[in-house]
Amino acid sequence: MAEIIYDLSNEYKRYLSSHIENSKIDIQANSETIKKMNAKQDKVQNLDKKIKS
C-alpha cells in the first residue's frame, strides 16, 4: 500500500513539475507578445506625434 502511495506521489510530483514548466513557457511567450505589442504601440505613438506636429 505504501508503495502505491509513493508511486502516486512521485507521479503527481512529475505532473506538477511538467505543469509548472508549461506555465513558465506560456509566461515567456506572453511576455514576448507584450514586448512586441508595446513596440508597435510606441511606433504608432511616434507616428501620431509626427503627424500632429
PDB file of N, CA and C in Angstrom:
ATOM      1  N   MET A   1       0.829  -1.201   0.000  1.00  0.00           N
ATOM      2  CA  MET A   1       0.000   0.000   0.000  1.00  0.00           C
ATOM      3  C   MET A   1       0.872   1.263   0.000  1.00  0.00           C
ATOM      4  N   ALA A   2       1.900   1.238   0.850  1.00  0.00           N
ATOM      5  CA  ALA A   2       2.796   2.405   0.924  1.00  0.00           C
ATOM      6  C   ALA A   2       3.498   2.611  -0.411  1.00  0.00           C
ATOM      7  N   GLU A   3       3.812   1.512  -1.106  1.00  0.00           N
ATOM      8  CA  GLU A   3       4.486   1.619  -2.403  1.00  0.00           C
ATOM      9  C   GLU A   3       3.578   2.298  -3.431  1.00  0.00           C
ATOM     10  N   ILE A   4       2.296   1.966  -3.400  1.00  0.00           N
ATOM     11  CA  ILE A   4       1.333   2.581  -4.319  1.00  0.00           C
ATOM     12  C   ILE A   4       1.235   4.078  -4.035  1.00  0.00           C
ATOM     13  N   ILE A   5       1.151   4.432  -2.769  1.00  0.00           N
ATOM     14  CA  ILE A   5       1.068   5.845  -2.396  1.00  0.00           C
ATOM     15  C   ILE A   5       2.341   6.571  -2.826  1.00  0.00           C
ATOM     16  N   TYR A   6       3.494   5.933  -2.637  1.00  0.00           N
ATOM     17  CA  TYR A   6       4.773   6.528  -3.033  1.00  0.00           C
ATOM     18  C   TYR A   6       4.808   6.742  -4.549  1.00  0.00           C
ATOM     19  N   ASP A   7       4.372   5.733  -5.310  1.00  0.00           N
ATOM     20  CA  ASP A   7       4.347   5.851  -6.771  1.00  0.00           C
ATOM     21  C   ASP A   7       3.403   6.966  -7.212  1.00  0.00           C
ATOM     22  N   LEU A   8       2.232   7.042  -6.601  1.00  0.00           N
ATOM     23  CA  LEU A   8       1.279   8.100  -6.932  1.00  0.00           C
ATOM     24  C   LEU A   8       1.843   9.477  -6.583  1.00  0.00           C
ATOM     25  N   SER A   9       2.532   9.551  -5.458  1.00  0.00           N
ATOM     26  CA  SER A   9       3.141  10.805  -5.036  1.00  0.00           C
ATOM     27  C   SER A   9       4.192  11.259  -6.050  1.00  0.00           C
ATOM     28  N   ASN A  10       5.024  10.336  -6.495  1.00  0.00           N
ATOM     29  CA  ASN A  10       6.046  10.663  -7.490  1.00  0.00           C
ATOM     30  C   ASN A  10       5.418  11.052  -8.825  1.00  0.00           C
ATOM     31  N   GLU A  11       4.367  10.355  -9.197  1.00  0.00           N
ATOM     32  CA  GLU A  11       3.672  10.677 -10.444  1.00  0.00           C
ATOM     33  C   GLU A  11       3.065  12.081 -10.363  1.00  0.00           C
ATOM     34  N   TYR A  12       2.487  12.395  -9.219  1.00  0.00           N
ATOM     35  CA  TYR A  12       1.893  13.721  -9.031  1.00  0.00           C
ATOM     36  C   TYR A  12       2.969  14.804  -9.054  1.00  0.00           C
ATOM     37  N   LYS A  13       4.132  14.520  -8.462  1.00  0.00           N
ATOM     38  CA  LYS A  13       5.249  15.480  -8.499  1.00  0.00           C
ATOM     39  C   LYS A  13       5.690  15.723  -9.935  1.00  0.00           C
ATOM     40  N   ARG A  14       5.764  14.675 -10.737  1.00  0.00           N
ATOM     41  CA  ARG A  14       6.143  14.823 -12.152  1.00  0.00           C
ATOM     42  C   ARG A  14       5.097  15.646 -12.899  1.00  0.00           C
ATOM     43  N   TYR A  15       3.834  15.373 -12.606  1.00  0.00           N
ATOM     44  CA  TYR A  15       2.749  16.121 -13.235  1.00  0.00           C
ATOM     45  C   TYR A  15       2.848  17.606 -12.887  1.00  0.00           C
ATOM     46  N   LEU A  16       3.035  17.914 -11.616  1.00  0.00           N
ATOM     47  CA  LEU A  16       3.133  19.317 -11.190  1.00  0.00           C
ATOM     48  C   LEU A  16       4.352  19.992 -11.803  1.00  0.00           C
ATOM     49  N   SER A  17       5.455  19.284 -11.836  1.00  0.00           N
ATOM     50  CA  SER A  17       6.682  19.828 -12.421  1.00  0.00           C
ATOM     51  C   SER A  17       6.468  20.161 -13.894  1.00  0.00           C
ATOM     52  N   SER A  18       5.826  19.265 -14.598  1.00  0.00           N
ATOM     53  CA  SER A  18       5.532  19.476 -16.014  1.00  0.00           C
ATOM     54  C   SER A  18       4.594  20.667 -16.185  1.00  0.00           C
ATOM     55  N   HIS A  19       3.592  20.735 -15.336  1.00  0.00           N
ATOM     56  CA  HIS A  19       2.620  21.829 -15.397  1.00  0.00           C
ATOM     57  C   HIS A  19       3.314  23.175 -15.141  1.00  0.00           C
ATOM     58  N   ILE A  20       4.219  23.200 -14.178  1.00  0.00           N
ATOM     59  CA  ILE A  20       4.960  24.428 -13.863  1.00  0.00           C
ATOM     60  C   ILE A  20       5.821  24.830 -15.052  1.00  0.00           C
ATOM     61  N   GLU A  21       6.506  23.869 -15.673  1.00  0.00           N
ATOM     62  CA  GLU A  21       7.353  24.179 -16.834  1.00  0.00           C
ATOM     63  C   GLU A  21       6.509  24.728 -17.984  1.00  0.00           C
ATOM     64  N   ASN A  22       5.361  24.113 -18.221  1.00  0.00           N
ATOM     65  CA  ASN A  22       4.468  24.609 -19.279  1.00  0.00           C
ATOM     66  C   ASN A  22       3.983  26.017 -18.966  1.00  0.00           C
ATOM     67  N   SER A  23       3.707  26.287 -17.717  1.00  0.00           N
ATOM     68  CA  SER A  23       3.266  27.624 -17.316  1.00  0.00           C
ATOM     69  C   SER A  23       4.383  28.642 -17.539  1.00  0.00           C
ATOM     70  N   LYS A  24       5.626  28.244 -17.236  1.00  0.00           N
ATOM     71  CA  LYS A  24       6.769  29.149 -17.459  1.00  0.00           C
ATOM     72  C   LYS A  24       6.897  29.475 -18.938  1.00  0.00           C
ATOM     73  N   ILE A  25       6.719  28.470 -19.783  1.00  0.00           N
ATOM     74  CA  ILE A  25       6.801  28.682 -21.238  1.00  0.00           C
ATOM     75  C   ILE A  25       5.697  29.632 -21.685  1.00  0.00           C
ATOM     76  N   ASP A  26       4.481  29.428 -21.160  1.00  0.00           N
ATOM     77  CA  ASP A  26       3.359  30.319 -21.501  1.00  0.00           C
ATOM     78  C   ASP A  26       3.642  31.752 -21.061  1.00  0.00           C
ATOM     79  N   ILE A  27       4.197  31.905 -19.868  1.00  0.00           N
ATOM     80  CA  ILE A  27       4.504  33.243 -19.357  1.00  0.00           C
ATOM     81  C   ILE A  27       5.551  33.910 -20.235  1.00  0.00           C
ATOM     82  N   GLN A  28       6.567  33.155 -20.631  1.00  0.00           N
ATOM     83  CA  GLN A  28       7.606  33.708 -21.501  1.00  0.00           C
ATOM     84  C   GLN A  28       7.012  34.134 -22.841  1.00  0.00           C
ATOM     85  N   ALA A  29       6.154  33.300 -23.395  1.00  0.00           N
ATOM     86  CA  ALA A  29       5.525  33.629 -24.678  1.00  0.00           C
ATOM     87  C   ALA A  29       4.655  34.874 -24.536  1.00  0.00           C
ATOM     88  N   ASN A  30       3.903  34.961 -23.458  1.00  0.00           N
ATOM     89  CA  ASN A  30       3.069  36.144 -23.230  1.00  0.00           C
ATOM     90  C   ASN A  30       3.919  37.393 -23.049  1.00  0.00           C
ATOM     91  N   SER A  31       5.041  37.239 -22.362  1.00  0.00           N
ATOM     92  CA  SER A  31       5.949  38.366 -22.153  1.00  0.00           C
ATOM     93  C   SER A  31       6.492  38.862 -23.493  1.00  0.00           C
ATOM     94  N   GLU A  32       6.871  37.934 -24.363  1.00  0.00           N
ATOM     95  CA  GLU A  32       7.365  38.311 -25.693  1.00  0.00           C
ATOM     96  C   GLU A  32       6.279  39.008 -26.505  1.00  0.00           C
ATOM     97  N   THR A  33       5.067  38.507 -26.415  1.00  0.00           N
ATOM     98  CA  THR A  33       3.940  39.124 -27.129  1.00  0.00           C
ATOM     99  C   THR A  33       3.705  40.542 -26.623  1.00  0.00           C
ATOM    100  N   ILE A  34       3.760  40.715 -25.321  1.00  0.00           N
ATOM    101  CA  ILE A  34       3.558  42.048 -24.740  1.00  0.00           C
ATOM    102  C   ILE A  34       4.660  42.997 -25.202  1.00  0.00           C
ATOM    103  N   LYS A  35       5.902  42.524 -25.229  1.00  0.00           N
ATOM    104  CA  LYS A  35       7.009  43.370 -25.702  1.00  0.00           C
ATOM    105  C   LYS A  35       6.777  43.804 -27.150  1.00  0.00           C
ATOM    106  N   LYS A  36       6.346  42.874 -27.989  1.00  0.00           N
ATOM    107  CA  LYS A  36       6.082  43.202 -29.395  1.00  0.00           C
ATOM    108  C   LYS A  36       4.936  44.207 -29.509  1.00  0.00           C
ATOM    109  N   MET A  37       3.892  44.007 -28.719  1.00  0.00           N
ATOM    110  CA  MET A  37       2.748  44.922 -28.762  1.00  0.00           C
ATOM    111  C   MET A  37       3.152  46.311 -28.278  1.00  0.00           C
ATOM    112  N   ASN A  38       3.983  46.368 -27.243  1.00  0.00           N
ATOM    113  CA  ASN A  38       4.448  47.661 -26.737  1.00  0.00           C
ATOM    114  C   ASN A  38       5.307  48.367 -27.779  1.00  0.00           C
ATOM    115  N   ALA A  39       6.138  47.613 -28.486  1.00  0.00           N
ATOM    116  CA  ALA A  39       6.977  48.208 -29.529  1.00  0.00           C
ATOM    117  C   ALA A  39       6.098  48.781 -30.648  1.00  0.00           C
ATOM    118  N   LYS A  40       5.062  48.044 -31.031  1.00  0.00           N
ATOM    119  CA  LYS A  40       4.140  48.535 -32.065  1.00  0.00           C
ATOM    120  C   LYS A  40       3.402  49.770 -31.577  1.00  0.00           C
ATOM    121  N   GLN A  41       2.998  49.772 -30.329  1.00  0.00           N
ATOM    122  CA  GLN A  41       2.302  50.925 -29.769  1.00  0.00           C
ATOM    123  C   GLN A  41       3.220  52.145 -29.772  1.00  0.00           C
ATOM    124  N   ASP A  42       4.494  51.942 -29.427  1.00  0.00           N
ATOM    125  CA  ASP A  42       5.460  53.047 -29.456  1.00  0.00           C
ATOM    126  C   ASP A  42       5.598  53.616 -30.862  1.00  0.00           C
ATOM    127  N   LYS A  43       5.656  52.736 -31.850  1.00  0.00           N
ATOM    128  CA  LYS A  43       5.761  53.193 -33.245  1.00  0.00           C
ATOM    129  C   LYS A  43       4.543  54.024 -33.636  1.00  0.00           C
ATOM    130  N   VAL A  44       3.375  53.555 -33.259  1.00  0.00           N
ATOM    131  CA  VAL A  44       2.136  54.272 -33.581  1.00  0.00           C
ATOM    132  C   VAL A  44       2.123  55.635 -32.885  1.00  0.00           C
ATOM    133  N   GLN A  45       2.525  55.667 -31.627  1.00  0.00           N
ATOM    134  CA  GLN A  45       2.547  56.932 -30.903  1.00  0.00           C
ATOM    135  C   GLN A  45       3.542  57.907 -31.534  1.00  0.00           C
ATOM    136  N   ASN A  46       4.704  57.402 -31.965  1.00  0.00           N
ATOM    137  CA  ASN A  46       5.688  58.263 -32.620  1.00  0.00           C
ATOM    138  C   ASN A  46       5.149  58.810 -33.937  1.00  0.00           C
ATOM    139  N   LEU A  47       4.475  57.967 -34.701  1.00  0.00           N
ATOM    140  CA  LEU A  47       3.870  58.437 -35.947  1.00  0.00           C
ATOM    141  C   LEU A  47       2.791  59.475 -35.670  1.00  0.00           C
ATOM    142  N   ASP A  48       2.016  59.235 -34.637  1.00  0.00           N
ATOM    143  CA  ASP A  48       0.955  60.169 -34.262  1.00  0.00           C
ATOM    144  C   ASP A  48       1.545  61.532 -33.892  1.00  0.00           C
ATOM    145  N   LYS A  49       2.660  61.520 -33.148  1.00  0.00           N
ATOM    146  CA  LYS A  49       3.320  62.782 -32.771  1.00  0.00           C
ATOM    147  C   LYS A  49       3.823  63.514 -34.017  1.00  0.00           C
ATOM    148  N   LYS A  50       4.391  62.753 -34.960  1.00  0.00           N
ATOM    149  CA  LYS A  50       4.902  63.372 -36.188  1.00  0.00           C
ATOM    150  C   LYS A  50       3.766  63.995 -37.001  1.00  0.00           C
ATOM    151  N   ILE A  51       2.654  63.310 -37.047  1.00  0.00           N
ATOM    152  CA  ILE A  51       1.502  63.814 -37.808  1.00  0.00           C
ATOM    153  C   ILE A  51       0.961  65.091 -37.168  1.00  0.00           C
ATOM    154  N   LYS A  52       0.896  65.105 -35.842  1.00  0.00           N
ATOM    155  CA  LYS A  52       0.332  66.260 -35.135  1.00  0.00           C
ATOM    156  C   LYS A  52       1.266  67.468 -35.163  1.00  0.00           C
ATOM    157  N   SER A  53       2.566  67.242 -35.349  1.00  0.00           N
ATOM    158  CA  SER A  53       3.494  68.393 -35.316  1.00  0.00           C
ATOM    159  C   SER A  53       3.829  68.932 -36.688  1.00  0.00           C
TER     160      SER A  53
END
